[in-house]
Amino acid sequence: MTVTPDLLLHAYRSGIFPMAERHDDPEIFWVDPRRRGVLPIKQFHISRSLAKRLKRDDYSVTLNTDFGGVIDGCADRAETWINDEIRLLYEALFDMGHAHSLEVWADEALVGGVYGVSVGGAFCGESMFSRITDASKIALAWLTDLLGRTGYTLFDTQFLTPHLATLGASEITRSDYRHLLARALTVDADLRRAPLASSGAEVVARNAANREESSVS
């Protein structure tokens, strides 16, 4: 069966996503995990050390500036599930406005980033990379801040990793994920609806306010 961008979007709305065994494997398969990783948008965990790193004015963040570069960064590892077909499909989704990337720069070089697919009020994170310490954490902190201000209710990370767990991610059942996804699909959200934060300090301050508000309620 030929996988088209429209079929890929339908898959995300159904709760499944594609992967390849290896970067040189031309075949792709569909994944429907029994347990799903999700990252809280309003309660993203920023540790003291990450807060200090975010507040340092030695990096910059952009949105949808180098989608191809972010995919290249994510695929630049010994083992990757990003093959040529997957790359072409997500580039097509990006051209259609359904896929997005957030980039982290230092000294005019791309040092980290994350990309994923937007369906309704769900952002389905695909992959992230880091070429300097904490670059992927910076990317996720800025992305969750933007998701929270542009109407998103669900940040899907596919799987739970120790790295994501330190940031507040958790696992939920497939049925719970499908329930959250169904609700998110009724939401009108758009990452481009609001600008990125003006600084890392703003990201930290808004995160602290959101967490305090959540604890009170």
Protein backbone atom coordinates (compact mmCIF):
# COMPACT_ATOMS: atom_id res chain seq x y z
CA MET A 1 0.00 0.00 0.00
CA THR A 2 1.35 3.40 -0.99
CA VAL A 3 1.61 5.79 1.94
CA THR A 4 0.55 9.31 1.02
CA PRO A 5 0.61 12.47 3.18
CA ASP A 6 -3.19 12.27 3.49
CA LEU A 7 -3.01 8.65 4.65
CA LEU A 8 -0.31 9.63 7.14
CA LEU A 9 -2.56 12.34 8.60
CA HIS A 10 -5.42 9.84 8.84
CA ALA A 11 -3.08 7.50 10.72
CA TYR A 12 -2.22 10.18 13.28
CA ARG A 13 -5.89 10.96 13.78
CA SER A 14 -6.40 7.24 14.41
CA GLY A 15 -3.59 7.06 16.96
CA ILE A 16 -0.90 5.27 14.94
CA PHE A 17 2.36 6.36 13.36
CA PRO A 18 4.99 4.94 10.94
CA MET A 19 8.54 3.74 11.50
CA ALA A 20 11.22 1.90 9.55
CA GLU A 21 13.52 -0.80 10.90
CA ARG A 22 16.63 1.04 9.69
CA HIS A 23 17.53 4.12 7.69
CA ASP A 24 18.38 1.93 4.68
CA ASP A 25 15.24 -0.20 4.89
CA PRO A 26 12.75 0.94 2.21
CA GLU A 27 9.77 -0.54 4.06
CA ILE A 28 7.77 1.21 6.76
CA PHE A 29 5.35 -0.25 9.28
CA TRP A 30 2.60 1.15 11.51
CA VAL A 31 3.02 1.40 15.27
CA ASP A 32 0.19 1.40 17.83
CA PRO A 33 1.85 1.17 21.29
CA ARG A 34 -0.03 -0.49 24.13
CA ARG A 35 1.34 2.25 26.38
CA ARG A 36 1.88 5.79 25.13
CA GLY A 37 4.24 8.51 26.26
CA VAL A 38 2.72 11.95 26.86
CA LEU A 39 4.33 15.19 28.02
CA PRO A 40 2.29 17.65 30.13
CA ILE A 41 1.99 20.99 28.40
CA LYS A 42 1.13 23.11 31.42
CA GLN A 43 3.23 21.12 33.90
CA PHE A 44 6.45 20.61 31.97
CA HIS A 45 9.18 20.06 34.58
CA ILE A 46 12.01 22.59 34.49
CA SER A 47 14.74 21.73 36.98
CA ARG A 48 16.89 24.40 38.59
CA SER A 49 19.80 23.54 36.32
CA LEU A 50 17.62 23.68 33.21
CA ALA A 51 16.09 26.98 34.35
CA LYS A 52 19.59 28.45 34.61
CA ARG A 53 20.45 27.09 31.17
CA LEU A 54 17.27 28.51 29.65
CA LYS A 55 18.00 31.95 31.08
CA ARG A 56 21.46 32.12 29.52
CA ASP A 57 21.49 34.39 26.51
CA ASP A 58 23.86 32.25 24.42
CA TYR A 59 21.39 30.58 22.04
CA SER A 60 18.39 31.43 19.87
CA VAL A 61 15.21 29.56 18.96
CA THR A 62 13.23 29.57 15.71
CA LEU A 63 10.09 27.89 14.41
CA ASN A 64 9.85 26.18 11.00
CA THR A 65 13.11 27.73 9.81
CA ASP A 66 15.08 24.55 9.00
CA PHE A 67 12.74 21.56 8.95
CA GLY A 68 15.10 19.51 6.80
CA GLY A 69 18.03 20.30 9.05
CA VAL A 70 16.10 19.10 12.11
CA ILE A 71 15.20 15.81 10.41
CA ASP A 72 18.86 15.40 9.40
CA GLY A 73 19.91 16.01 13.00
CA CYS A 74 17.42 13.46 14.29
CA ALA A 75 18.56 10.87 11.73
CA ASP A 76 22.26 11.47 12.39
CA ARG A 77 22.80 8.58 14.79
CA ALA A 78 24.02 4.98 14.66
CA GLU A 79 20.49 3.58 14.57
CA THR A 80 17.49 5.48 13.22
CA TRP A 81 13.99 4.65 12.00
CA ILE A 82 13.98 7.62 9.62
CA ASN A 83 14.37 6.27 6.09
CA ASP A 84 14.05 8.11 2.78
CA GLU A 85 10.30 7.55 2.44
CA ILE A 86 9.59 8.81 5.94
CA ARG A 87 11.70 11.89 5.33
CA LEU A 88 9.82 12.67 2.09
CA LEU A 89 6.43 12.14 3.74
CA TYR A 90 7.14 14.52 6.61
CA GLU A 91 8.64 17.12 4.32
CA ALA A 92 5.37 16.94 2.36
CA LEU A 93 3.39 17.41 5.60
CA PHE A 94 5.60 20.38 6.42
CA ASP A 95 4.88 21.93 3.01
CA MET A 96 1.15 21.38 3.71
CA GLY A 97 1.42 23.10 7.11
CA HIS A 98 0.76 19.97 9.18
CA ALA A 99 4.33 19.30 10.38
CA HIS A 100 6.51 21.72 12.31
CA SER A 101 10.04 22.04 13.60
CA LEU A 102 11.55 24.08 16.39
CA GLU A 103 15.24 24.83 16.08
CA VAL A 104 17.91 25.75 18.64
CA TRP A 105 20.92 27.72 17.36
CA ALA A 106 24.28 28.64 18.86
CA ASP A 107 26.95 30.64 17.04
CA GLU A 108 24.73 30.47 13.90
CA ALA A 109 24.86 26.65 13.92
CA LEU A 110 21.90 24.33 14.35
CA VAL A 111 22.61 22.55 17.64
CA GLY A 112 19.27 21.00 18.55
CA GLY A 113 15.65 20.72 17.67
CA VAL A 114 12.41 18.77 17.62
CA TYR A 115 9.81 18.09 14.93
CA GLY A 116 6.34 16.60 14.86
CA VAL A 117 2.86 16.57 13.37
CA SER A 118 -0.10 18.74 14.34
CA VAL A 119 -3.62 17.29 14.21
CA GLY A 120 -6.27 19.41 15.87
CA GLY A 121 -5.15 20.17 19.40
CA ALA A 122 -2.64 17.31 19.48
CA PHE A 123 1.05 17.73 18.73
CA CYS A 124 2.60 14.37 17.91
CA GLY A 125 6.31 14.65 18.57
CA GLU A 126 8.38 12.56 16.20
CA SER A 127 12.01 13.02 17.15
CA MET A 128 14.52 15.44 18.64
CA PHE A 129 18.28 15.84 18.67
CA SER A 130 21.01 17.64 20.55
CA ARG A 131 24.54 18.55 19.50
CA ILE A 132 25.35 20.47 22.68
CA THR A 133 24.35 19.84 26.29
CA ASP A 134 20.65 20.45 27.00
CA ALA A 135 19.77 21.59 23.46
CA SER A 136 16.89 19.09 23.16
CA LYS A 137 15.62 20.08 26.62
CA ILE A 138 15.71 23.73 25.57
CA ALA A 139 13.75 22.83 22.43
CA LEU A 140 11.08 20.97 24.41
CA ALA A 141 10.76 23.75 26.98
CA TRP A 142 10.21 26.38 24.29
CA LEU A 143 7.87 24.09 22.35
CA THR A 144 5.63 23.25 25.32
CA ASP A 145 5.47 26.96 26.16
CA LEU A 146 4.27 27.69 22.62
CA LEU A 147 1.84 24.75 22.59
CA GLY A 148 0.27 26.05 25.79
CA ARG A 149 -0.37 29.46 24.24
CA THR A 150 -1.73 28.24 20.90
CA GLY A 151 -4.53 25.94 22.02
CA TYR A 152 -2.96 22.49 22.24
CA THR A 153 -4.22 20.01 24.82
CA LEU A 154 -2.08 16.92 24.06
CA PHE A 155 1.66 16.47 23.51
CA ASP A 156 2.25 12.90 22.32
CA THR A 157 5.84 11.62 22.66
CA GLN A 158 5.01 8.12 21.37
CA PHE A 159 7.21 6.35 23.93
CA LEU A 160 8.45 7.21 27.43
CA THR A 161 12.23 7.50 27.80
CA PRO A 162 14.29 8.26 30.91
CA HIS A 163 15.18 11.59 29.32
CA LEU A 164 11.53 12.54 28.84
CA ALA A 165 10.60 11.28 32.32
CA THR A 166 12.92 13.89 33.88
CA LEU A 167 10.83 16.54 32.12
CA GLY A 168 7.53 15.27 33.51
CA ALA A 169 6.49 12.80 30.80
CA SER A 170 4.52 9.71 31.78
CA GLU A 171 2.94 6.63 30.25
CA ILE A 172 -0.77 6.13 29.73
CA THR A 173 -2.72 3.22 28.30
CA ARG A 174 -3.69 2.99 24.66
CA SER A 175 -7.35 3.49 25.54
CA ASP A 176 -6.58 6.57 27.65
CA TYR A 177 -4.49 7.99 24.83
CA ARG A 178 -7.28 7.41 22.31
CA HIS A 179 -9.67 9.25 24.64
CA LEU A 180 -7.32 12.25 24.96
CA LEU A 181 -6.70 12.22 21.21
CA ALA A 182 -10.41 12.19 20.40
CA ARG A 183 -10.92 15.25 22.59
CA ALA A 184 -7.88 17.00 21.11
CA LEU A 185 -9.13 16.46 17.57
CA THR A 186 -12.12 18.69 18.34
CA VAL A 187 -9.78 21.58 19.24
CA ASP A 188 -8.70 24.27 16.79
CA ALA A 189 -5.00 24.83 17.53
CA ASP A 190 -2.20 26.32 15.46
CA LEU A 191 1.45 26.73 16.49
CA ARG A 192 1.70 29.79 14.27
CA ARG A 193 -1.07 31.59 16.14
CA ALA A 194 1.33 33.18 18.65
CA PRO A 195 4.99 34.19 18.53
CA LEU A 196 7.73 32.30 20.29
CA ALA A 197 8.68 33.51 23.75
CA SER A 198 10.95 36.54 23.75
CA SER A 199 13.52 34.83 25.98
CA GLY A 200 14.29 31.73 27.98
CA ALA A 201 13.56 33.71 31.12
CA GLU A 202 10.01 34.24 29.86
CA VAL A 203 9.64 30.49 29.28
CA VAL A 204 10.79 29.76 32.84
CA ALA A 205 8.54 32.40 34.40
CA ARG A 206 5.43 31.27 32.52
CA ASN A 207 6.16 27.63 33.36
CA ALA A 208 6.41 28.47 37.06
CA ALA A 209 3.13 30.39 36.91
CA ASN A 210 1.38 27.50 35.13
CA ARG A 211 2.62 24.94 37.63
CA GLU A 212 1.57 27.13 40.57
CA GLU A 213 -1.87 27.63 39.03
CA SER A 214 -2.24 23.87 38.49
CA SER A 215 -1.23 23.09 42.07
CA VAL A 216 -3.81 25.53 43.44
CA SER A 217 -6.63 24.25 41.26
